[in-house]
Amino acid sequence: MSANQFQVSLPNEFMPFICQVKDGKTTDEKVILYLAIGMFLSKQVTLAKAAELSQRNIWEFIDALIAQGVSWGEYTEDSYLLDELSLSKLANNR
């Protein structure tokens, strides 16, 4: 084990759920992916950081999210208001 890794012991009851992960060849890869997805969904990390933590590029991570049935894009009210402001500015510049 390298200096930048640590080991965790999980109860055997986790194994059936870990095996259901559709992406990842090894148990370690599947657990790392689950952790990254969980951190992303709980808004602890950004999409880009979650992809990095999962050892995938952003598009591979998005594919993994889709394979798990996770919606990765959010269009919040703040996004809507920013879009509305931008469109208004564009309309006034015509």
Protein backbone atom coordinates (compact mmCIF):
# COMPACT_ATOMS: atom_id res chain seq x y z
CA MET A 1 0.00 0.00 0.00
CA SER A 2 1.45 3.40 -0.95
CA ALA A 3 1.91 6.30 1.45
CA ASN A 4 -1.08 8.19 0.01
CA GLN A 5 -3.59 5.39 0.62
CA PHE A 6 -5.33 3.91 3.62
CA GLN A 7 -7.20 0.68 4.17
CA VAL A 8 -10.76 0.25 5.44
CA SER A 9 -12.51 -2.90 6.59
CA LEU A 10 -16.17 -3.20 5.68
CA PRO A 11 -18.69 -5.72 6.98
CA ASN A 12 -19.51 -8.52 4.52
CA GLU A 13 -23.09 -7.22 4.34
CA PHE A 14 -21.83 -4.49 1.98
CA MET A 15 -20.59 -6.92 -0.66
CA PRO A 16 -23.91 -7.64 -2.45
CA PHE A 17 -24.46 -3.91 -2.89
CA ILE A 18 -20.90 -3.23 -4.02
CA CYS A 19 -21.20 -6.02 -6.58
CA GLN A 20 -24.21 -4.24 -8.09
CA VAL A 21 -22.06 -1.26 -9.12
CA LYS A 22 -22.05 -1.39 -12.90
CA ASP A 23 -18.67 0.29 -13.34
CA GLY A 24 -15.29 -0.81 -12.01
CA LYS A 25 -13.48 -4.10 -12.38
CA THR A 26 -12.24 -4.60 -8.84
CA THR A 27 -13.96 -4.18 -5.49
CA ASP A 28 -11.62 -1.27 -4.73
CA GLU A 29 -12.62 0.50 -7.97
CA LYS A 30 -16.31 -0.02 -7.19
CA VAL A 31 -15.97 1.31 -3.62
CA ILE A 32 -13.97 4.33 -4.81
CA LEU A 33 -16.67 5.08 -7.38
CA TYR A 34 -19.46 4.75 -4.78
CA LEU A 35 -17.61 7.09 -2.43
CA ALA A 36 -17.08 9.67 -5.19
CA ILE A 37 -20.75 9.47 -6.22
CA GLY A 38 -21.85 9.86 -2.60
CA MET A 39 -19.62 12.89 -2.09
CA PHE A 40 -20.95 14.44 -5.29
CA LEU A 41 -24.59 13.80 -4.39
CA SER A 42 -24.13 15.24 -0.90
CA LYS A 43 -22.53 18.31 -2.53
CA GLN A 44 -19.24 17.81 -0.68
CA VAL A 45 -17.35 17.93 -3.99
CA THR A 46 -17.96 19.25 -7.48
CA LEU A 47 -18.60 17.04 -10.48
CA ALA A 48 -15.00 17.57 -11.63
CA LYS A 49 -13.55 16.72 -8.20
CA ALA A 50 -15.74 13.62 -7.92
CA ALA A 51 -14.50 12.48 -11.33
CA GLU A 52 -10.91 13.01 -10.20
CA LEU A 53 -11.49 11.12 -6.94
CA SER A 54 -13.07 8.25 -8.86
CA GLN A 55 -9.96 8.10 -11.07
CA ARG A 56 -11.99 8.85 -14.21
CA ASN A 57 -12.20 11.78 -16.57
CA ILE A 58 -15.34 13.86 -16.25
CA TRP A 59 -17.11 12.14 -19.17
CA GLU A 60 -16.36 8.68 -17.82
CA PHE A 61 -17.69 9.78 -14.42
CA ILE A 62 -20.87 11.17 -16.01
CA ASP A 63 -21.31 7.83 -17.82
CA ALA A 64 -20.90 6.04 -14.48
CA LEU A 65 -23.53 8.31 -12.91
CA ILE A 66 -25.93 7.60 -15.76
CA ALA A 67 -25.27 3.84 -15.46
CA GLN A 68 -26.22 4.10 -11.77
CA GLY A 69 -29.38 6.06 -12.63
CA VAL A 70 -28.06 9.27 -11.07
CA SER A 71 -29.10 12.61 -12.53
CA TRP A 72 -25.90 14.61 -12.71
CA GLY A 73 -27.19 17.97 -13.97
CA GLU A 74 -29.10 20.45 -11.90
CA TYR A 75 -30.86 23.51 -13.19
CA THR A 76 -31.46 25.53 -10.05
CA GLU A 77 -33.47 28.69 -9.56
CA ASP A 78 -30.19 30.61 -9.34
CA SER A 79 -29.19 29.22 -12.74
CA TYR A 80 -32.55 30.29 -14.14
CA LEU A 81 -32.18 33.82 -12.74
CA LEU A 82 -28.67 34.15 -14.16
CA ASP A 83 -29.88 32.94 -17.56
CA GLU A 84 -32.81 35.36 -17.43
CA LEU A 85 -30.45 38.26 -16.63
CA SER A 86 -28.09 37.28 -19.46
CA LEU A 87 -30.95 37.02 -21.95
CA SER A 88 -32.29 40.39 -20.85
CA LYS A 89 -28.87 42.00 -21.37
CA LEU A 90 -28.58 40.40 -24.79
CA ALA A 91 -32.05 41.66 -25.77
CA ASN A 92 -31.18 45.21 -24.66
CA ASN A 93 -27.96 45.20 -26.73
CA ARG A 94 -29.85 44.64 -29.99
